[in-house]
Amino acid sequence: MTREILFYEKYFIEFYLLLDSTVQEKIEYVFKVIKTVDRIPQKFLTHVESTGGLYEIRIKVESDTYRVFCCFDEGKIVVLFHGFQKKSQKTPKREMDKALKLKQEYFDKKKEKQL
């Protein structure tokens, strides 16, 4: 099984470039798992409840936790939206709202191109 990872706009790239190399390496490792492993372990990718197909990629480096919101498109495409450093147990509502907005934008733009 191979999946493709797409970056929607530049939100994820901007986040990624601010991180230190240790975190970047871990993110790249998790992306490799997502691209190649048939059943992705839940510790790396989990469905966000009641969001209509939004997923959270989980990256843990020492005591720091990072999240990247994404969704699947056509089964084998993982579309990345944006990332953030998680500082509390609960995912901040504004981060979730931003991800849902970007997901909607992505599918709206895709639909327009197909007409």
PDB file of N, CA and C in Angstrom:
ATOM      1  N   MET A   1       0.844  -1.196   0.000  1.00  0.00           N
ATOM      2  CA  MET A   1       0.000   0.000   0.000  1.00  0.00           C
ATOM      3  C   MET A   1       0.875   1.240   0.000  1.00  0.00           C
ATOM      4  N   THR A   2       0.642   2.113  -0.924  1.00  0.00           N
ATOM      5  CA  THR A   2       1.349   3.393  -0.880  1.00  0.00           C
ATOM      6  C   THR A   2       0.336   4.515  -0.960  1.00  0.00           C
ATOM      7  N   ARG A   3       0.531   5.478  -0.088  1.00  0.00           N
ATOM      8  CA  ARG A   3      -0.316   6.663  -0.065  1.00  0.00           C
ATOM      9  C   ARG A   3       0.531   7.851  -0.491  1.00  0.00           C
ATOM     10  N   GLU A   4      -0.145   8.853  -0.984  1.00  0.00           N
ATOM     11  CA  GLU A   4       0.515  10.089  -1.382  1.00  0.00           C
ATOM     12  C   GLU A   4       0.167  11.140  -0.337  1.00  0.00           C
ATOM     13  N   ILE A   5       1.139  11.974   0.008  1.00  0.00           N
ATOM     14  CA  ILE A   5       0.873  13.067   0.948  1.00  0.00           C
ATOM     15  C   ILE A   5       0.901  14.380   0.175  1.00  0.00           C
ATOM     16  N   LEU A   6      -0.206  15.119   0.280  1.00  0.00           N
ATOM     17  CA  LEU A   6      -0.317  16.429  -0.378  1.00  0.00           C
ATOM     18  C   LEU A   6      -0.355  17.512   0.689  1.00  0.00           C
ATOM     19  N   PHE A   7       0.247  18.642   0.382  1.00  0.00           N
ATOM     20  CA  PHE A   7       0.185  19.789   1.288  1.00  0.00           C
ATOM     21  C   PHE A   7      -0.848  20.747   0.728  1.00  0.00           C
ATOM     22  N   TYR A   8      -1.886  21.031   1.509  1.00  0.00           N
ATOM     23  CA  TYR A   8      -2.879  22.010   1.064  1.00  0.00           C
ATOM     24  C   TYR A   8      -2.369  23.401   1.424  1.00  0.00           C
ATOM     25  N   GLU A   9      -2.224  24.245   0.404  1.00  0.00           N
ATOM     26  CA  GLU A   9      -1.694  25.603   0.566  1.00  0.00           C
ATOM     27  C   GLU A   9      -0.315  25.521   1.232  1.00  0.00           C
ATOM     28  N   LYS A  10       0.020  26.469   2.107  1.00  0.00           N
ATOM     29  CA  LYS A  10       1.370  26.484   2.687  1.00  0.00           C
ATOM     30  C   LYS A  10       1.366  26.411   4.220  1.00  0.00           C
ATOM     31  N   TYR A  11       0.211  26.136   4.806  1.00  0.00           N
ATOM     32  CA  TYR A  11       0.099  26.150   6.267  1.00  0.00           C
ATOM     33  C   TYR A  11       1.024  25.149   6.950  1.00  0.00           C
ATOM     34  N   PHE A  12       1.035  23.915   6.453  1.00  0.00           N
ATOM     35  CA  PHE A  12       1.883  22.908   7.089  1.00  0.00           C
ATOM     36  C   PHE A  12       3.363  23.240   6.908  1.00  0.00           C
ATOM     37  N   ILE A  13       3.751  23.632   5.701  1.00  0.00           N
ATOM     38  CA  ILE A  13       5.159  23.930   5.406  1.00  0.00           C
ATOM     39  C   ILE A  13       5.671  25.051   6.323  1.00  0.00           C
ATOM     40  N   GLU A  14       4.861  26.092   6.499  1.00  0.00           N
ATOM     41  CA  GLU A  14       5.264  27.194   7.377  1.00  0.00           C
ATOM     42  C   GLU A  14       5.491  26.705   8.800  1.00  0.00           C
ATOM     43  N   PHE A  15       4.619  25.831   9.290  1.00  0.00           N
ATOM     44  CA  PHE A  15       4.745  25.247  10.623  1.00  0.00           C
ATOM     45  C   PHE A  15       6.025  24.392  10.700  1.00  0.00           C
ATOM     46  N   TYR A  16       6.203  23.531   9.715  1.00  0.00           N
ATOM     47  CA  TYR A  16       7.331  22.597   9.669  1.00  0.00           C
ATOM     48  C   TYR A  16       8.673  23.327   9.699  1.00  0.00           C
ATOM     49  N   LEU A  17       8.778  24.395   8.948  1.00  0.00           N
ATOM     50  CA  LEU A  17      10.039  25.131   8.858  1.00  0.00           C
ATOM     51  C   LEU A  17      10.438  25.806  10.171  1.00  0.00           C
ATOM     52  N   LEU A  18       9.493  26.018  11.071  1.00  0.00           N
ATOM     53  CA  LEU A  18       9.792  26.636  12.369  1.00  0.00           C
ATOM     54  C   LEU A  18      10.313  25.629  13.395  1.00  0.00           C
ATOM     55  N   LEU A  19      10.177  24.337  13.081  1.00  0.00           N
ATOM     56  CA  LEU A  19      10.542  23.284  14.044  1.00  0.00           C
ATOM     57  C   LEU A  19      12.027  22.954  13.971  1.00  0.00           C
ATOM     58  N   ASP A  20      12.556  22.425  15.096  1.00  0.00           N
ATOM     59  CA  ASP A  20      13.970  22.033  15.042  1.00  0.00           C
ATOM     60  C   ASP A  20      14.114  20.701  14.299  1.00  0.00           C
ATOM     61  N   SER A  21      15.324  20.382  13.933  1.00  0.00           N
ATOM     62  CA  SER A  21      15.576  19.229  13.065  1.00  0.00           C
ATOM     63  C   SER A  21      15.142  17.896  13.689  1.00  0.00           C
ATOM     64  N   THR A  22      15.210  17.769  15.001  1.00  0.00           N
ATOM     65  CA  THR A  22      14.783  16.529  15.659  1.00  0.00           C
ATOM     66  C   THR A  22      13.296  16.284  15.423  1.00  0.00           C
ATOM     67  N   VAL A  23      12.506  17.337  15.564  1.00  0.00           N
ATOM     68  CA  VAL A  23      11.058  17.231  15.359  1.00  0.00           C
ATOM     69  C   VAL A  23      10.771  16.978  13.876  1.00  0.00           C
ATOM     70  N   GLN A  24      11.477  17.673  13.000  1.00  0.00           N
ATOM     71  CA  GLN A  24      11.296  17.473  11.561  1.00  0.00           C
ATOM     72  C   GLN A  24      11.581  16.021  11.173  1.00  0.00           C
ATOM     73  N   GLU A  25      12.638  15.447  11.725  1.00  0.00           N
ATOM     74  CA  GLU A  25      12.982  14.052  11.423  1.00  0.00           C
ATOM     75  C   GLU A  25      11.886  13.104  11.881  1.00  0.00           C
ATOM     76  N   LYS A  26      11.334  13.365  13.055  1.00  0.00           N
ATOM     77  CA  LYS A  26      10.260  12.502  13.564  1.00  0.00           C
ATOM     78  C   LYS A  26       9.020  12.627  12.670  1.00  0.00           C
ATOM     79  N   ILE A  27       8.704  13.829  12.241  1.00  0.00           N
ATOM     80  CA  ILE A  27       7.566  14.042  11.347  1.00  0.00           C
ATOM     81  C   ILE A  27       7.787  13.268  10.046  1.00  0.00           C
ATOM     82  N   GLU A  28       8.995  13.344   9.506  1.00  0.00           N
ATOM     83  CA  GLU A  28       9.304  12.621   8.267  1.00  0.00           C
ATOM     84  C   GLU A  28       9.156  11.114   8.458  1.00  0.00           C
ATOM     85  N   TYR A  29       9.568  10.617   9.635  1.00  0.00           N
ATOM     86  CA  TYR A  29       9.409   9.194   9.935  1.00  0.00           C
ATOM     87  C   TYR A  29       7.921   8.808   9.955  1.00  0.00           C
ATOM     88  N   VAL A  30       7.115   9.614  10.632  1.00  0.00           N
ATOM     89  CA  VAL A  30       5.675   9.339  10.721  1.00  0.00           C
ATOM     90  C   VAL A  30       5.043   9.403   9.326  1.00  0.00           C
ATOM     91  N   PHE A  31       5.459  10.348   8.509  1.00  0.00           N
ATOM     92  CA  PHE A  31       4.946  10.426   7.130  1.00  0.00           C
ATOM     93  C   PHE A  31       5.296   9.168   6.346  1.00  0.00           C
ATOM     94  N   LYS A  32       6.503   8.655   6.563  1.00  0.00           N
ATOM     95  CA  LYS A  32       6.926   7.430   5.867  1.00  0.00           C
ATOM     96  C   LYS A  32       6.016   6.263   6.274  1.00  0.00           C
ATOM     97  N   VAL A  33       5.700   6.173   7.555  1.00  0.00           N
ATOM     98  CA  VAL A  33       4.789   5.132   8.045  1.00  0.00           C
ATOM     99  C   VAL A  33       3.426   5.290   7.371  1.00  0.00           C
ATOM    100  N   ILE A  34       2.915   6.513   7.358  1.00  0.00           N
ATOM    101  CA  ILE A  34       1.598   6.781   6.762  1.00  0.00           C
ATOM    102  C   ILE A  34       1.591   6.409   5.274  1.00  0.00           C
ATOM    103  N   LYS A  35       2.675   6.702   4.580  1.00  0.00           N
ATOM    104  CA  LYS A  35       2.752   6.409   3.145  1.00  0.00           C
ATOM    105  C   LYS A  35       2.811   4.912   2.851  1.00  0.00           C
ATOM    106  N   THR A  36       3.457   4.150   3.717  1.00  0.00           N
ATOM    107  CA  THR A  36       3.786   2.769   3.348  1.00  0.00           C
ATOM    108  C   THR A  36       3.088   1.661   4.126  1.00  0.00           C
ATOM    109  N   VAL A  37       2.631   1.934   5.342  1.00  0.00           N
ATOM    110  CA  VAL A  37       2.045   0.878   6.170  1.00  0.00           C
ATOM    111  C   VAL A  37       0.549   0.747   5.883  1.00  0.00           C
ATOM    112  N   ASP A  38       0.109  -0.476   5.673  1.00  0.00           N
ATOM    113  CA  ASP A  38      -1.287  -0.720   5.331  1.00  0.00           C
ATOM    114  C   ASP A  38      -2.227  -0.235   6.433  1.00  0.00           C
ATOM    115  N   ARG A  39      -1.995  -0.691   7.656  1.00  0.00           N
ATOM    116  CA  ARG A  39      -2.818  -0.261   8.802  1.00  0.00           C
ATOM    117  C   ARG A  39      -1.967   0.638   9.693  1.00  0.00           C
ATOM    118  N   ILE A  40      -2.201   1.921   9.582  1.00  0.00           N
ATOM    119  CA  ILE A  40      -1.398   2.910  10.309  1.00  0.00           C
ATOM    120  C   ILE A  40      -1.713   2.815  11.802  1.00  0.00           C
ATOM    121  N   PRO A  41      -0.685   2.647  12.654  1.00  0.00           N
ATOM    122  CA  PRO A  41      -0.937   2.575  14.104  1.00  0.00           C
ATOM    123  C   PRO A  41      -1.632   3.845  14.609  1.00  0.00           C
ATOM    124  N   GLN A  42      -2.568   3.650  15.544  1.00  0.00           N
ATOM    125  CA  GLN A  42      -3.330   4.784  16.090  1.00  0.00           C
ATOM    126  C   GLN A  42      -2.462   5.799  16.805  1.00  0.00           C
ATOM    127  N   LYS A  43      -1.297   5.379  17.281  1.00  0.00           N
ATOM    128  CA  LYS A  43      -0.439   6.354  17.968  1.00  0.00           C
ATOM    129  C   LYS A  43       0.085   7.414  16.989  1.00  0.00           C
ATOM    130  N   PHE A  44       0.020   7.124  15.665  1.00  0.00           N
ATOM    131  CA  PHE A  44       0.475   8.074  14.654  1.00  0.00           C
ATOM    132  C   PHE A  44      -0.663   8.806  13.955  1.00  0.00           C
ATOM    133  N   LEU A  45      -1.809   8.153  13.816  1.00  0.00           N
ATOM    134  CA  LEU A  45      -2.921   8.752  13.075  1.00  0.00           C
ATOM    135  C   LEU A  45      -4.233   8.326  13.712  1.00  0.00           C
ATOM    136  N   THR A  46      -5.059   9.306  14.030  1.00  0.00           N
ATOM    137  CA  THR A  46      -6.335   8.976  14.638  1.00  0.00           C
ATOM    138  C   THR A  46      -7.446   9.846  14.061  1.00  0.00           C
ATOM    139  N   HIS A  47      -8.625   9.264  13.966  1.00  0.00           N
ATOM    140  CA  HIS A  47      -9.796   9.985  13.467  1.00  0.00           C
ATOM    141  C   HIS A  47     -10.290  10.917  14.564  1.00  0.00           C
ATOM    142  N   VAL A  48     -10.592  12.144  14.201  1.00  0.00           N
ATOM    143  CA  VAL A  48     -11.123  13.107  15.176  1.00  0.00           C
ATOM    144  C   VAL A  48     -12.638  12.954  15.156  1.00  0.00           C
ATOM    145  N   GLU A  49     -13.195  12.574  16.287  1.00  0.00           N
ATOM    146  CA  GLU A  49     -14.636  12.302  16.388  1.00  0.00           C
ATOM    147  C   GLU A  49     -15.487  13.479  15.946  1.00  0.00           C
ATOM    148  N   SER A  50     -16.602  13.178  15.354  1.00  0.00           N
ATOM    149  CA  SER A  50     -17.635  14.137  14.920  1.00  0.00           C
ATOM    150  C   SER A  50     -17.095  15.324  14.118  1.00  0.00           C
ATOM    151  N   THR A  51     -16.195  15.033  13.165  1.00  0.00           N
ATOM    152  CA  THR A  51     -15.654  16.098  12.322  1.00  0.00           C
ATOM    153  C   THR A  51     -15.859  15.803  10.840  1.00  0.00           C
ATOM    154  N   GLY A  52     -16.487  14.700  10.531  1.00  0.00           N
ATOM    155  CA  GLY A  52     -16.711  14.379   9.129  1.00  0.00           C
ATOM    156  C   GLY A  52     -15.443  14.097   8.351  1.00  0.00           C
ATOM    157  N   GLY A  53     -14.601  13.223   8.876  1.00  0.00           N
ATOM    158  CA  GLY A  53     -13.439  12.783   8.115  1.00  0.00           C
ATOM    159  C   GLY A  53     -12.136  13.508   8.382  1.00  0.00           C
ATOM    160  N   LEU A  54     -12.064  14.256   9.470  1.00  0.00           N
ATOM    161  CA  LEU A  54     -10.817  14.927   9.821  1.00  0.00           C
ATOM    162  C   LEU A  54      -9.963  13.968  10.655  1.00  0.00           C
ATOM    163  N   TYR A  55      -8.676  13.949  10.374  1.00  0.00           N
ATOM    164  CA  TYR A  55      -7.739  13.099  11.118  1.00  0.00           C
ATOM    165  C   TYR A  55      -6.647  13.961  11.720  1.00  0.00           C
ATOM    166  N   GLU A  56      -5.981  13.374  12.717  1.00  0.00           N
ATOM    167  CA  GLU A  56      -4.906  14.061  13.406  1.00  0.00           C
ATOM    168  C   GLU A  56      -3.674  13.165  13.345  1.00  0.00           C
ATOM    169  N   ILE A  57      -2.593  13.687  12.756  1.00  0.00           N
ATOM    170  CA  ILE A  57      -1.320  12.972  12.781  1.00  0.00           C
ATOM    171  C   ILE A  57      -0.652  13.374  14.084  1.00  0.00           C
ATOM    172  N   ARG A  58      -0.161  12.367  14.810  1.00  0.00           N
ATOM    173  CA  ARG A  58       0.408  12.629  16.132  1.00  0.00           C
ATOM    174  C   ARG A  58       1.916  12.423  16.116  1.00  0.00           C
ATOM    175  N   ILE A  59       2.629  13.422  16.601  1.00  0.00           N
ATOM    176  CA  ILE A  59       4.082  13.340  16.676  1.00  0.00           C
ATOM    177  C   ILE A  59       4.486  13.680  18.099  1.00  0.00           C
ATOM    178  N   LYS A  60       5.259  12.789  18.714  1.00  0.00           N
ATOM    179  CA  LYS A  60       5.721  13.031  20.073  1.00  0.00           C
ATOM    180  C   LYS A  60       7.242  12.980  20.065  1.00  0.00           C
ATOM    181  N   VAL A  61       7.858  14.044  20.556  1.00  0.00           N
ATOM    182  CA  VAL A  61       9.312  14.101  20.662  1.00  0.00           C
ATOM    183  C   VAL A  61       9.620  14.495  22.098  1.00  0.00           C
ATOM    184  N   GLU A  62      10.188  13.544  22.832  1.00  0.00           N
ATOM    185  CA  GLU A  62      10.428  13.713  24.259  1.00  0.00           C
ATOM    186  C   GLU A  62       9.122  14.097  24.945  1.00  0.00           C
ATOM    187  N   SER A  63       9.077  15.259  25.606  1.00  0.00           N
ATOM    188  CA  SER A  63       7.829  15.614  26.299  1.00  0.00           C
ATOM    189  C   SER A  63       6.940  16.526  25.460  1.00  0.00           C
ATOM    190  N   ASP A  64       7.371  16.830  24.239  1.00  0.00           N
ATOM    191  CA  ASP A  64       6.592  17.714  23.366  1.00  0.00           C
ATOM    192  C   ASP A  64       5.680  16.914  22.446  1.00  0.00           C
ATOM    193  N   THR A  65       4.487  17.451  22.242  1.00  0.00           N
ATOM    194  CA  THR A  65       3.505  16.800  21.381  1.00  0.00           C
ATOM    195  C   THR A  65       3.105  17.761  20.269  1.00  0.00           C
ATOM    196  N   TYR A  66       3.072  17.236  19.061  1.00  0.00           N
ATOM    197  CA  TYR A  66       2.695  18.025  17.891  1.00  0.00           C
ATOM    198  C   TYR A  66       1.553  17.324  17.184  1.00  0.00           C
ATOM    199  N   ARG A  67       0.699  18.106  16.544  1.00  0.00           N
ATOM    200  CA  ARG A  67      -0.424  17.551  15.794  1.00  0.00           C
ATOM    201  C   ARG A  67      -0.457  18.190  14.413  1.00  0.00           C
ATOM    202  N   VAL A  68      -0.848  17.375  13.439  1.00  0.00           N
ATOM    203  CA  VAL A  68      -1.048  17.871  12.080  1.00  0.00           C
ATOM    204  C   VAL A  68      -2.412  17.377  11.641  1.00  0.00           C
ATOM    205  N   PHE A  69      -3.292  18.299  11.298  1.00  0.00           N
ATOM    206  CA  PHE A  69      -4.622  17.906  10.821  1.00  0.00           C
ATOM    207  C   PHE A  69      -4.545  17.521   9.355  1.00  0.00           C
ATOM    208  N   CYS A  70      -5.329  16.519   8.999  1.00  0.00           N
ATOM    209  CA  CYS A  70      -5.348  16.048   7.613  1.00  0.00           C
ATOM    210  C   CYS A  70      -6.669  15.335   7.339  1.00  0.00           C
ATOM    211  N   CYS A  71      -6.851  14.940   6.078  1.00  0.00           N
ATOM    212  CA  CYS A  71      -7.986  14.105   5.718  1.00  0.00           C
ATOM    213  C   CYS A  71      -7.553  13.207   4.561  1.00  0.00           C
ATOM    214  N   PHE A  72      -8.371  12.237   4.256  1.00  0.00           N
ATOM    215  CA  PHE A  72      -8.096  11.358   3.124  1.00  0.00           C
ATOM    216  C   PHE A  72      -8.923  11.833   1.935  1.00  0.00           C
ATOM    217  N   ASP A  73      -8.342  11.688   0.763  1.00  0.00           N
ATOM    218  CA  ASP A  73      -9.048  12.020  -0.469  1.00  0.00           C
ATOM    219  C   ASP A  73      -8.818  10.860  -1.425  1.00  0.00           C
ATOM    220  N   GLU A  74      -9.885  10.345  -1.991  1.00  0.00           N
ATOM    221  CA  GLU A  74      -9.811   9.217  -2.913  1.00  0.00           C
ATOM    222  C   GLU A  74      -9.072   8.022  -2.307  1.00  0.00           C
ATOM    223  N   GLY A  75      -9.149   7.874  -1.004  1.00  0.00           N
ATOM    224  CA  GLY A  75      -8.594   6.702  -0.331  1.00  0.00           C
ATOM    225  C   GLY A  75      -7.095   6.670  -0.134  1.00  0.00           C
ATOM    226  N   LYS A  76      -6.326   7.058  -1.142  1.00  0.00           N
ATOM    227  CA  LYS A  76      -4.871   6.922  -1.039  1.00  0.00           C
ATOM    228  C   LYS A  76      -4.127   8.246  -0.960  1.00  0.00           C
ATOM    229  N   ILE A  77      -4.868   9.339  -0.877  1.00  0.00           N
ATOM    230  CA  ILE A  77      -4.221  10.651  -0.786  1.00  0.00           C
ATOM    231  C   ILE A  77      -4.489  11.219   0.610  1.00  0.00           C
ATOM    232  N   VAL A  78      -3.417  11.597   1.288  1.00  0.00           N
ATOM    233  CA  VAL A  78      -3.544  12.228   2.599  1.00  0.00           C
ATOM    234  C   VAL A  78      -3.260  13.708   2.385  1.00  0.00           C
ATOM    235  N   VAL A  79      -4.259  14.543   2.680  1.00  0.00           N
ATOM    236  CA  VAL A  79      -4.134  15.989   2.465  1.00  0.00           C
ATOM    237  C   VAL A  79      -3.832  16.645   3.811  1.00  0.00           C
ATOM    238  N   LEU A  80      -2.667  17.290   3.903  1.00  0.00           N
ATOM    239  CA  LEU A  80      -2.265  17.948   5.149  1.00  0.00           C
ATOM    240  C   LEU A  80      -2.771  19.382   5.170  1.00  0.00           C
ATOM    241  N   PHE A  81      -3.296  19.778   6.334  1.00  0.00           N
ATOM    242  CA  PHE A  81      -3.798  21.139   6.469  1.00  0.00           C
ATOM    243  C   PHE A  81      -2.838  22.004   7.267  1.00  0.00           C
ATOM    244  N   HIS A  82      -2.809  21.876   8.559  1.00  0.00           N
ATOM    245  CA  HIS A  82      -1.880  22.685   9.353  1.00  0.00           C
ATOM    246  C   HIS A  82      -1.465  21.919  10.598  1.00  0.00           C
ATOM    247  N   GLY A  83      -0.395  22.397  11.211  1.00  0.00           N
ATOM    248  CA  GLY A  83       0.112  21.738  12.412  1.00  0.00           C
ATOM    249  C   GLY A  83       0.245  22.729  13.543  1.00  0.00           C
ATOM    250  N   PHE A  84       0.372  22.187  14.743  1.00  0.00           N
ATOM    251  CA  PHE A  84       0.576  23.033  15.920  1.00  0.00           C
ATOM    252  C   PHE A  84       1.190  22.200  17.028  1.00  0.00           C
ATOM    253  N   GLN A  85       1.779  22.881  17.995  1.00  0.00           N
ATOM    254  CA  GLN A  85       2.310  22.182  19.155  1.00  0.00           C
ATOM    255  C   GLN A  85       1.202  22.117  20.185  1.00  0.00           C
ATOM    256  N   LYS A  86       0.963  20.930  20.676  1.00  0.00           N
ATOM    257  CA  LYS A  86      -0.125  20.734  21.629  1.00  0.00           C
ATOM    258  C   LYS A  86       0.407  21.000  23.040  1.00  0.00           C
ATOM    259  N   LYS A  87      -0.272  21.872  23.755  1.00  0.00           N
ATOM    260  CA  LYS A  87       0.197  22.248  25.082  1.00  0.00           C
ATOM    261  C   LYS A  87      -0.748  21.811  26.203  1.00  0.00           C
ATOM    262  N   SER A  88      -1.892  21.242  25.828  1.00  0.00           N
ATOM    263  CA  SER A  88      -2.833  20.769  26.850  1.00  0.00           C
ATOM    264  C   SER A  88      -3.438  19.448  26.391  1.00  0.00           C
ATOM    265  N   GLN A  89      -4.198  18.813  27.259  1.00  0.00           N
ATOM    266  CA  GLN A  89      -4.819  17.531  26.930  1.00  0.00           C
ATOM    267  C   GLN A  89      -5.789  17.649  25.757  1.00  0.00           C
ATOM    268  N   LYS A  90      -6.562  18.717  25.786  1.00  0.00           N
ATOM    269  CA  LYS A  90      -7.609  18.890  24.792  1.00  0.00           C
ATOM    270  C   LYS A  90      -7.089  19.685  23.591  1.00  0.00           C
ATOM    271  N   THR A  91      -7.497  19.275  22.397  1.00  0.00           N
ATOM    272  CA  THR A  91      -7.130  20.023  21.191  1.00  0.00           C
ATOM    273  C   THR A  91      -7.870  21.358  21.209  1.00  0.00           C
ATOM    274  N   PRO A  92      -7.138  22.467  21.068  1.00  0.00           N
ATOM    275  CA  PRO A  92      -7.797  23.780  21.092  1.00  0.00           C
ATOM    276  C   PRO A  92      -8.866  23.905  19.998  1.00  0.00           C
ATOM    277  N   LYS A  93      -9.997  24.476  20.375  1.00  0.00           N
ATOM    278  CA  LYS A  93     -11.132  24.621  19.444  1.00  0.00           C
ATOM    279  C   LYS A  93     -10.732  25.428  18.205  1.00  0.00           C
ATOM    280  N   ARG A  94      -9.937  26.472  18.374  1.00  0.00           N
ATOM    281  CA  ARG A  94      -9.580  27.294  17.215  1.00  0.00           C
ATOM    282  C   ARG A  94      -8.744  26.503  16.209  1.00  0.00           C
ATOM    283  N   GLU A  95      -7.914  25.570  16.689  1.00  0.00           N
ATOM    284  CA  GLU A  95      -7.116  24.734  15.781  1.00  0.00           C
ATOM    285  C   GLU A  95      -8.036  23.790  15.004  1.00  0.00           C
ATOM    286  N   MET A  96      -9.011  23.244  15.719  1.00  0.00           N
ATOM    287  CA  MET A  96      -9.980  22.337  15.100  1.00  0.00           C
ATOM    288  C   MET A  96     -10.821  23.093  14.062  1.00  0.00           C
ATOM    289  N   ASP A  97     -11.275  24.282  14.428  1.00  0.00           N
ATOM    290  CA  ASP A  97     -12.085  25.102  13.507  1.00  0.00           C
ATOM    291  C   ASP A  97     -11.293  25.451  12.253  1.00  0.00           C
ATOM    292  N   LYS A  98     -10.023  25.792  12.442  1.00  0.00           N
ATOM    293  CA  LYS A  98      -9.169  26.134  11.299  1.00  0.00           C
ATOM    294  C   LYS A  98      -9.035  24.924  10.371  1.00  0.00           C
ATOM    295  N   ALA A  99      -8.813  23.748  10.940  1.00  0.00           N
ATOM    296  CA  ALA A  99      -8.667  22.532  10.138  1.00  0.00           C
ATOM    297  C   ALA A  99      -9.943  22.221   9.362  1.00  0.00           C
ATOM    298  N   LEU A 100     -11.081  22.370  10.007  1.00  0.00           N
ATOM    299  CA  LEU A 100     -12.359  22.100   9.336  1.00  0.00           C
ATOM    300  C   LEU A 100     -12.584  23.094   8.195  1.00  0.00           C
ATOM    301  N   LYS A 101     -12.218  24.348   8.411  1.00  0.00           N
ATOM    302  CA  LYS A 101     -12.356  25.378   7.387  1.00  0.00           C
ATOM    303  C   LYS A 101     -11.456  25.055   6.192  1.00  0.00           C
ATOM    304  N   LEU A 102     -10.213  24.662   6.461  1.00  0.00           N
ATOM    305  CA  LEU A 102      -9.274  24.332   5.387  1.00  0.00           C
ATOM    306  C   LEU A 102      -9.719  23.090   4.616  1.00  0.00           C
ATOM    307  N   LYS A 103     -10.283  22.133   5.328  1.00  0.00           N
ATOM    308  CA  LYS A 103     -10.780  20.909   4.679  1.00  0.00           C
ATOM    309  C   LYS A 103     -11.915  21.271   3.716  1.00  0.00           C
ATOM    310  N   GLN A 104     -12.824  22.110   4.175  1.00  0.00           N
ATOM    311  CA  GLN A 104     -13.944  22.554   3.342  1.00  0.00           C
ATOM    312  C   GLN A 104     -13.433  23.291   2.104  1.00  0.00           C
ATOM    313  N   GLU A 105     -12.476  24.183   2.321  1.00  0.00           N
ATOM    314  CA  GLU A 105     -11.865  24.945   1.224  1.00  0.00           C
ATOM    315  C   GLU A 105     -11.247  24.007   0.193  1.00  0.00           C
ATOM    316  N   TYR A 106     -10.499  23.018   0.687  1.00  0.00           N
ATOM    317  CA  TYR A 106      -9.825  22.064  -0.199  1.00  0.00           C
ATOM    318  C   TYR A 106     -10.832  21.369  -1.113  1.00  0.00           C
ATOM    319  N   PHE A 107     -11.899  20.827  -0.516  1.00  0.00           N
ATOM    320  CA  PHE A 107     -12.878  20.090  -1.318  1.00  0.00           C
ATOM    321  C   PHE A 107     -13.690  21.026  -2.223  1.00  0.00           C
ATOM    322  N   ASP A 108     -13.953  22.254  -1.770  1.00  0.00           N
ATOM    323  CA  ASP A 108     -14.647  23.230  -2.625  1.00  0.00           C
ATOM    324  C   ASP A 108     -13.799  23.550  -3.854  1.00  0.00           C
ATOM    325  N   LYS A 109     -12.501  23.811  -3.636  1.00  0.00           N
ATOM    326  CA  LYS A 109     -11.607  24.137  -4.753  1.00  0.00           C
ATOM    327  C   LYS A 109     -11.474  22.947  -5.700  1.00  0.00           C
ATOM    328  N   LYS A 110     -11.404  21.760  -5.132  1.00  0.00           N
ATOM    329  CA  LYS A 110     -11.272  20.565  -5.955  1.00  0.00           C
ATOM    330  C   LYS A 110     -12.516  20.390  -6.838  1.00  0.00           C
ATOM    331  N   LYS A 111     -13.666  20.613  -6.241  1.00  0.00           N
ATOM    332  CA  LYS A 111     -14.943  20.486  -6.961  1.00  0.00           C
ATOM    333  C   LYS A 111     -15.012  21.495  -8.114  1.00  0.00           C
ATOM    334  N   GLU A 112     -14.602  22.735  -7.841  1.00  0.00           N
ATOM    335  CA  GLU A 112     -14.622  23.784  -8.875  1.00  0.00           C
ATOM    336  C   GLU A 112     -13.762  23.389 -10.063  1.00  0.00           C
ATOM    337  N   LYS A 113     -12.606  22.795  -9.799  1.00  0.00           N
ATOM    338  CA  LYS A 113     -11.686  22.413 -10.869  1.00  0.00           C
ATOM    339  C   LYS A 113     -12.252  21.278 -11.725  1.00  0.00           C
ATOM    340  N   GLN A 114     -13.117  20.446 -11.119  1.00  0.00           N
ATOM    341  CA  GLN A 114     -13.641  19.290 -11.840  1.00  0.00           C
ATOM    342  C   GLN A 114     -14.879  19.629 -12.686  1.00  0.00           C
ATOM    343  N   LEU A 115     -15.439  20.798 -12.473  1.00  0.00           N
ATOM    344  CA  LEU A 115     -16.653  21.154 -13.233  1.00  0.00           C
ATOM    345  C   LEU A 115     -16.355  21.474 -14.676  1.00  0.00           C
TER     346      LEU A 115
END
